[in-house]
């Protein structure tokens, strides 16, 4: 992740997540992906996106090595 800029465009975030740019905008509108706004432009903090990817969720539970 360190090879990416500190602030990502929607397209860069889409490439990382392997989804469409429009899906990223949809997630932004649902407040799933945090952004910094510069007028009409949005930038996604790289570290926040990485935290989101690694965060446990009902669809992606984190399990310990013993399976529990």
PDB file of N, CA and C in Angstrom:
ATOM      1  N   UNK A   1       0.818  -1.199   0.000  1.00  0.00           N
ATOM      2  CA  UNK A   1       0.000   0.000   0.000  1.00  0.00           C
ATOM      3  C   UNK A   1       0.863   1.265   0.000  1.00  0.00           C
ATOM      4  N   UNK A   2       2.074   1.178   0.491  1.00  0.00           N
ATOM      5  CA  UNK A   2       2.926   2.360   0.588  1.00  0.00           C
ATOM      6  C   UNK A   2       3.328   2.924  -0.769  1.00  0.00           C
ATOM      7  N   UNK A   3       3.138   2.144  -1.821  1.00  0.00           N
ATOM      8  CA  UNK A   3       3.500   2.643  -3.150  1.00  0.00           C
ATOM      9  C   UNK A   3       2.442   3.600  -3.701  1.00  0.00           C
ATOM     10  N   UNK A   4       1.280   3.657  -3.067  1.00  0.00           N
ATOM     11  CA  UNK A   4       0.217   4.565  -3.481  1.00  0.00           C
ATOM     12  C   UNK A   4       0.372   5.909  -2.784  1.00  0.00           C
ATOM     13  N   UNK A   5      -0.170   6.985  -3.382  1.00  0.00           N
ATOM     14  CA  UNK A   5      -0.099   8.294  -2.721  1.00  0.00           C
ATOM     15  C   UNK A   5      -0.923   8.307  -1.429  1.00  0.00           C
ATOM     16  N   UNK A   6      -0.645   9.265  -0.588  1.00  0.00           N
ATOM     17  CA  UNK A   6      -1.336   9.377   0.702  1.00  0.00           C
ATOM     18  C   UNK A   6      -2.830   9.603   0.505  1.00  0.00           C
ATOM     19  N   UNK A   7      -3.201  10.389  -0.497  1.00  0.00           N
ATOM     20  CA  UNK A   7      -4.603  10.624  -0.831  1.00  0.00           C
ATOM     21  C   UNK A   7      -4.898   9.998  -2.188  1.00  0.00           C
ATOM     22  N   UNK A   8      -5.875   9.116  -2.211  1.00  0.00           N
ATOM     23  CA  UNK A   8      -6.215   8.376  -3.421  1.00  0.00           C
ATOM     24  C   UNK A   8      -7.402   8.994  -4.144  1.00  0.00           C
ATOM     25  N   UNK A   9      -7.404   8.864  -5.454  1.00  0.00           N
ATOM     26  CA  UNK A   9      -8.591   9.215  -6.225  1.00  0.00           C
ATOM     27  C   UNK A   9      -9.572   8.046  -6.133  1.00  0.00           C
ATOM     28  N   UNK A  10     -10.789   8.273  -6.574  1.00  0.00           N
ATOM     29  CA  UNK A  10     -11.779   7.199  -6.587  1.00  0.00           C
ATOM     30  C   UNK A  10     -11.309   6.061  -7.492  1.00  0.00           C
ATOM     31  N   UNK A  11     -10.674   6.386  -8.600  1.00  0.00           N
ATOM     32  CA  UNK A  11     -10.190   5.353  -9.514  1.00  0.00           C
ATOM     33  C   UNK A  11      -9.076   4.526  -8.872  1.00  0.00           C
ATOM     34  N   UNK A  12      -8.175   5.174  -8.165  1.00  0.00           N
ATOM     35  CA  UNK A  12      -7.103   4.441  -7.487  1.00  0.00           C
ATOM     36  C   UNK A  12      -7.675   3.516  -6.414  1.00  0.00           C
ATOM     37  N   UNK A  13      -8.655   4.008  -5.661  1.00  0.00           N
ATOM     38  CA  UNK A  13      -9.310   3.170  -4.652  1.00  0.00           C
ATOM     39  C   UNK A  13     -10.030   2.002  -5.316  1.00  0.00           C
ATOM     40  N   UNK A  14     -10.672   2.255  -6.449  1.00  0.00           N
ATOM     41  CA  UNK A  14     -11.359   1.195  -7.182  1.00  0.00           C
ATOM     42  C   UNK A  14     -10.373   0.132  -7.647  1.00  0.00           C
ATOM     43  N   UNK A  15      -9.214   0.555  -8.111  1.00  0.00           N
ATOM     44  CA  UNK A  15      -8.193  -0.394  -8.554  1.00  0.00           C
ATOM     45  C   UNK A  15      -7.719  -1.263  -7.387  1.00  0.00           C
ATOM     46  N   UNK A  16      -7.539  -0.660  -6.225  1.00  0.00           N
ATOM     47  CA  UNK A  16      -7.103  -1.399  -5.044  1.00  0.00           C
ATOM     48  C   UNK A  16      -8.171  -2.405  -4.620  1.00  0.00           C
ATOM     49  N   UNK A  17      -9.427  -1.952  -4.603  1.00  0.00           N
ATOM     50  CA  UNK A  17     -10.535  -2.807  -4.167  1.00  0.00           C
ATOM     51  C   UNK A  17     -11.024  -3.764  -5.245  1.00  0.00           C
ATOM     52  N   UNK A  18     -10.577  -3.528  -6.481  1.00  0.00           N
ATOM     53  CA  UNK A  18     -11.013  -4.314  -7.640  1.00  0.00           C
ATOM     54  C   UNK A  18     -12.526  -4.247  -7.831  1.00  0.00           C
ATOM     55  N   UNK A  19     -13.019  -3.017  -7.757  1.00  0.00           N
ATOM     56  CA  UNK A  19     -14.417  -2.716  -8.047  1.00  0.00           C
ATOM     57  C   UNK A  19     -14.446  -1.545  -9.019  1.00  0.00           C
ATOM     58  N   UNK A  20     -15.636  -1.189  -9.479  1.00  0.00           N
ATOM     59  CA  UNK A  20     -15.739  -0.057 -10.397  1.00  0.00           C
ATOM     60  C   UNK A  20     -15.602   1.263  -9.638  1.00  0.00           C
ATOM     61  N   UNK A  21     -15.254   2.287 -10.384  1.00  0.00           N
ATOM     62  CA  UNK A  21     -15.163   3.625  -9.796  1.00  0.00           C
ATOM     63  C   UNK A  21     -16.529   4.049  -9.263  1.00  0.00           C
ATOM     64  N   UNK A  22     -17.597   3.662  -9.965  1.00  0.00           N
ATOM     65  CA  UNK A  22     -18.948   4.025  -9.522  1.00  0.00           C
ATOM     66  C   UNK A  22     -19.309   3.331  -8.215  1.00  0.00           C
ATOM     67  N   UNK A  23     -18.808   2.118  -8.010  1.00  0.00           N
ATOM     68  CA  UNK A  23     -19.048   1.422  -6.738  1.00  0.00           C
ATOM     69  C   UNK A  23     -18.349   2.159  -5.592  1.00  0.00           C
ATOM     70  N   UNK A  24     -17.162   2.684  -5.859  1.00  0.00           N
ATOM     71  CA  UNK A  24     -16.461   3.476  -4.844  1.00  0.00           C
ATOM     72  C   UNK A  24     -17.291   4.703  -4.492  1.00  0.00           C
ATOM     73  N   UNK A  25     -17.811   5.407  -5.499  1.00  0.00           N
ATOM     74  CA  UNK A  25     -18.655   6.571  -5.226  1.00  0.00           C
ATOM     75  C   UNK A  25     -19.901   6.174  -4.435  1.00  0.00           C
ATOM     76  N   UNK A  26     -20.449   5.006  -4.738  1.00  0.00           N
ATOM     77  CA  UNK A  26     -21.612   4.512  -3.996  1.00  0.00           C
ATOM     78  C   UNK A  26     -21.242   4.285  -2.529  1.00  0.00           C
ATOM     79  N   UNK A  27     -20.093   3.667  -2.272  1.00  0.00           N
ATOM     80  CA  UNK A  27     -19.638   3.434  -0.901  1.00  0.00           C
ATOM     81  C   UNK A  27     -19.338   4.749  -0.179  1.00  0.00           C
ATOM     82  N   UNK A  28     -18.842   5.738  -0.923  1.00  0.00           N
ATOM     83  CA  UNK A  28     -18.615   7.062  -0.338  1.00  0.00           C
ATOM     84  C   UNK A  28     -19.944   7.683   0.081  1.00  0.00           C
ATOM     85  N   UNK A  29     -20.954   7.583  -0.786  1.00  0.00           N
ATOM     86  CA  UNK A  29     -22.261   8.182  -0.471  1.00  0.00           C
ATOM     87  C   UNK A  29     -22.933   7.497   0.713  1.00  0.00           C
ATOM     88  N   UNK A  30     -22.577   6.227   0.955  1.00  0.00           N
ATOM     89  CA  UNK A  30     -23.115   5.490   2.102  1.00  0.00           C
ATOM     90  C   UNK A  30     -22.265   5.674   3.355  1.00  0.00           C
ATOM     91  N   UNK A  31     -21.246   6.531   3.261  1.00  0.00           N
ATOM     92  CA  UNK A  31     -20.313   6.798   4.364  1.00  0.00           C
ATOM     93  C   UNK A  31     -19.554   5.558   4.811  1.00  0.00           C
ATOM     94  N   UNK A  32     -19.343   4.621   3.900  1.00  0.00           N
ATOM     95  CA  UNK A  32     -18.533   3.445   4.192  1.00  0.00           C
ATOM     96  C   UNK A  32     -17.062   3.784   4.025  1.00  0.00           C
ATOM     97  N   UNK A  33     -16.760   4.551   2.973  1.00  0.00           N
ATOM     98  CA  UNK A  33     -15.396   4.984   2.714  1.00  0.00           C
ATOM     99  C   UNK A  33     -15.283   6.455   3.093  1.00  0.00           C
ATOM    100  N   UNK A  34     -14.392   6.803   4.035  1.00  0.00           N
ATOM    101  CA  UNK A  34     -14.225   8.210   4.421  1.00  0.00           C
ATOM    102  C   UNK A  34     -13.459   8.978   3.352  1.00  0.00           C
ATOM    103  N   UNK A  35     -13.815  10.245   3.178  1.00  0.00           N
ATOM    104  CA  UNK A  35     -13.156  11.068   2.160  1.00  0.00           C
ATOM    105  C   UNK A  35     -12.803  12.444   2.704  1.00  0.00           C
ATOM    106  N   UNK A  36     -11.917  13.082   1.983  1.00  0.00           N
ATOM    107  CA  UNK A  36     -11.613  14.495   2.180  1.00  0.00           C
ATOM    108  C   UNK A  36     -12.085  15.188   0.919  1.00  0.00           C
ATOM    109  N   UNK A  37     -12.863  16.235   1.068  1.00  0.00           N
ATOM    110  CA  UNK A  37     -13.420  16.939  -0.093  1.00  0.00           C
ATOM    111  C   UNK A  37     -12.656  18.228  -0.368  1.00  0.00           C
ATOM    112  N   UNK A  38     -12.371  18.447  -1.646  1.00  0.00           N
ATOM    113  CA  UNK A  38     -11.782  19.679  -2.150  1.00  0.00           C
ATOM    114  C   UNK A  38     -12.749  20.205  -3.191  1.00  0.00           C
ATOM    115  N   UNK A  39     -13.725  20.991  -2.752  1.00  0.00           N
ATOM    116  CA  UNK A  39     -14.776  21.410  -3.674  1.00  0.00           C
ATOM    117  C   UNK A  39     -15.573  20.186  -4.099  1.00  0.00           C
ATOM    118  N   UNK A  40     -15.635  19.935  -5.399  1.00  0.00           N
ATOM    119  CA  UNK A  40     -16.347  18.771  -5.913  1.00  0.00           C
ATOM    120  C   UNK A  40     -15.485  17.524  -5.972  1.00  0.00           C
ATOM    121  N   UNK A  41     -14.179  17.684  -5.776  1.00  0.00           N
ATOM    122  CA  UNK A  41     -13.284  16.539  -5.824  1.00  0.00           C
ATOM    123  C   UNK A  41     -13.241  15.830  -4.478  1.00  0.00           C
ATOM    124  N   UNK A  42     -13.085  14.523  -4.528  1.00  0.00           N
ATOM    125  CA  UNK A  42     -12.923  13.744  -3.291  1.00  0.00           C
ATOM    126  C   UNK A  42     -11.610  12.998  -3.352  1.00  0.00           C
ATOM    127  N   UNK A  43     -10.985  12.872  -2.211  1.00  0.00           N
ATOM    128  CA  UNK A  43      -9.772  12.079  -2.073  1.00  0.00           C
ATOM    129  C   UNK A  43      -9.963  11.167  -0.875  1.00  0.00           C
ATOM    130  N   UNK A  44      -9.460   9.969  -1.017  1.00  0.00           N
ATOM    131  CA  UNK A  44      -9.619   8.944   0.008  1.00  0.00           C
ATOM    132  C   UNK A  44      -8.272   8.739   0.697  1.00  0.00           C
ATOM    133  N   UNK A  45      -8.222   8.968   2.007  1.00  0.00           N
ATOM    134  CA  UNK A  45      -6.954   8.733   2.714  1.00  0.00           C
ATOM    135  C   UNK A  45      -6.551   7.260   2.618  1.00  0.00           C
ATOM    136  N   UNK A  46      -5.347   7.021   2.135  1.00  0.00           N
ATOM    137  CA  UNK A  46      -4.839   5.663   1.927  1.00  0.00           C
ATOM    138  C   UNK A  46      -4.919   4.840   3.209  1.00  0.00           C
ATOM    139  N   UNK A  47      -4.516   5.418   4.330  1.00  0.00           N
ATOM    140  CA  UNK A  47      -4.512   4.678   5.590  1.00  0.00           C
ATOM    141  C   UNK A  47      -5.920   4.307   6.043  1.00  0.00           C
ATOM    142  N   UNK A  48      -6.881   5.193   5.811  1.00  0.00           N
ATOM    143  CA  UNK A  48      -8.275   4.901   6.184  1.00  0.00           C
ATOM    144  C   UNK A  48      -8.835   3.771   5.331  1.00  0.00           C
ATOM    145  N   UNK A  49      -8.482   3.767   4.036  1.00  0.00           N
ATOM    146  CA  UNK A  49      -8.933   2.684   3.159  1.00  0.00           C
ATOM    147  C   UNK A  49      -8.320   1.367   3.615  1.00  0.00           C
ATOM    148  N   UNK A  50      -7.039   1.376   3.962  1.00  0.00           N
ATOM    149  CA  UNK A  50      -6.381   0.166   4.438  1.00  0.00           C
ATOM    150  C   UNK A  50      -7.022  -0.339   5.728  1.00  0.00           C
ATOM    151  N   UNK A  51      -7.360   0.586   6.651  1.00  0.00           N
ATOM    152  CA  UNK A  51      -8.043   0.201   7.892  1.00  0.00           C
ATOM    153  C   UNK A  51      -9.392  -0.445   7.582  1.00  0.00           C
ATOM    154  N   UNK A  52     -10.091   0.113   6.612  1.00  0.00           N
ATOM    155  CA  UNK A  52     -11.392  -0.419   6.223  1.00  0.00           C
ATOM    156  C   UNK A  52     -11.251  -1.830   5.661  1.00  0.00           C
ATOM    157  N   UNK A  53     -10.234  -2.047   4.860  1.00  0.00           N
ATOM    158  CA  UNK A  53     -10.009  -3.367   4.265  1.00  0.00           C
ATOM    159  C   UNK A  53      -9.724  -4.404   5.346  1.00  0.00           C
ATOM    160  N   UNK A  54      -8.982  -4.010   6.351  1.00  0.00           N
ATOM    161  CA  UNK A  54      -8.582  -4.959   7.396  1.00  0.00           C
ATOM    162  C   UNK A  54      -9.584  -5.093   8.532  1.00  0.00           C
ATOM    163  N   UNK A  55     -10.580  -4.232   8.598  1.00  0.00           N
ATOM    164  CA  UNK A  55     -11.543  -4.262   9.699  1.00  0.00           C
ATOM    165  C   UNK A  55     -12.447  -5.486   9.593  1.00  0.00           C
ATOM    166  N   UNK A  56     -12.714  -6.128  10.721  1.00  0.00           N
ATOM    167  CA  UNK A  56     -13.648  -7.255  10.683  1.00  0.00           C
ATOM    168  C   UNK A  56     -15.064  -6.761  10.415  1.00  0.00           C
ATOM    169  N   UNK A  57     -15.824  -7.558   9.711  1.00  0.00           N
ATOM    170  CA  UNK A  57     -17.227  -7.238   9.446  1.00  0.00           C
ATOM    171  C   UNK A  57     -18.008  -8.542   9.448  1.00  0.00           C
ATOM    172  N   UNK A  58     -19.335  -8.486   9.506  1.00  0.00           N
ATOM    173  CA  UNK A  58     -20.120  -9.729   9.478  1.00  0.00           C
ATOM    174  C   UNK A  58     -19.825 -10.573   8.236  1.00  0.00           C
ATOM    175  N   UNK A  59     -19.525  -9.924   7.113  1.00  0.00           N
ATOM    176  CA  UNK A  59     -19.230 -10.658   5.887  1.00  0.00           C
ATOM    177  C   UNK A  59     -17.796 -11.160   5.857  1.00  0.00           C
ATOM    178  N   UNK A  60     -16.937 -10.596   6.719  1.00  0.00           N
ATOM    179  CA  UNK A  60     -15.523 -10.958   6.722  1.00  0.00           C
ATOM    180  C   UNK A  60     -15.028 -11.065   8.165  1.00  0.00           C
ATOM    181  N   UNK A  61     -15.516 -12.059   8.906  1.00  0.00           N
ATOM    182  CA  UNK A  61     -15.116 -12.157  10.316  1.00  0.00           C
ATOM    183  C   UNK A  61     -13.658 -12.546  10.457  1.00  0.00           C
ATOM    184  N   UNK A  62     -13.047 -11.995  11.476  1.00  0.00           N
ATOM    185  CA  UNK A  62     -11.669 -12.335  11.783  1.00  0.00           C
ATOM    186  C   UNK A  62     -11.700 -13.526  12.749  1.00  0.00           C
ATOM    187  N   UNK A  63     -10.972 -14.548  12.403  1.00  0.00           N
ATOM    188  CA  UNK A  63     -10.942 -15.738  13.274  1.00  0.00           C
ATOM    189  C   UNK A  63      -9.539 -15.919  13.820  1.00  0.00           C
ATOM    190  N   UNK A  64      -9.482 -16.439  14.997  1.00  0.00           N
ATOM    191  CA  UNK A  64      -8.171 -16.757  15.558  1.00  0.00           C
ATOM    192  C   UNK A  64      -7.676 -18.061  14.940  1.00  0.00           C
ATOM    193  N   UNK A  65      -6.426 -18.359  15.165  1.00  0.00           N
ATOM    194  CA  UNK A  65      -5.835 -19.570  14.574  1.00  0.00           C
ATOM    195  C   UNK A  65      -6.492 -20.848  15.075  1.00  0.00           C
ATOM    196  N   UNK A  66      -7.087 -20.806  16.271  1.00  0.00           N
ATOM    197  CA  UNK A  66      -7.713 -22.033  16.792  1.00  0.00           C
ATOM    198  C   UNK A  66      -9.144 -22.206  16.277  1.00  0.00           C
ATOM    199  N   UNK A  67      -9.555 -21.318  15.332  1.00  0.00           N
ATOM    200  CA  UNK A  67     -10.874 -21.458  14.720  1.00  0.00           C
ATOM    201  C   UNK A  67     -11.981 -20.788  15.481  1.00  0.00           C
ATOM    202  N   UNK A  68     -11.678 -20.098  16.567  1.00  0.00           N
ATOM    203  CA  UNK A  68     -12.718 -19.508  17.397  1.00  0.00           C
ATOM    204  C   UNK A  68     -12.840 -18.103  17.269  1.00  0.00           C
TER     205      UNK A  68
END
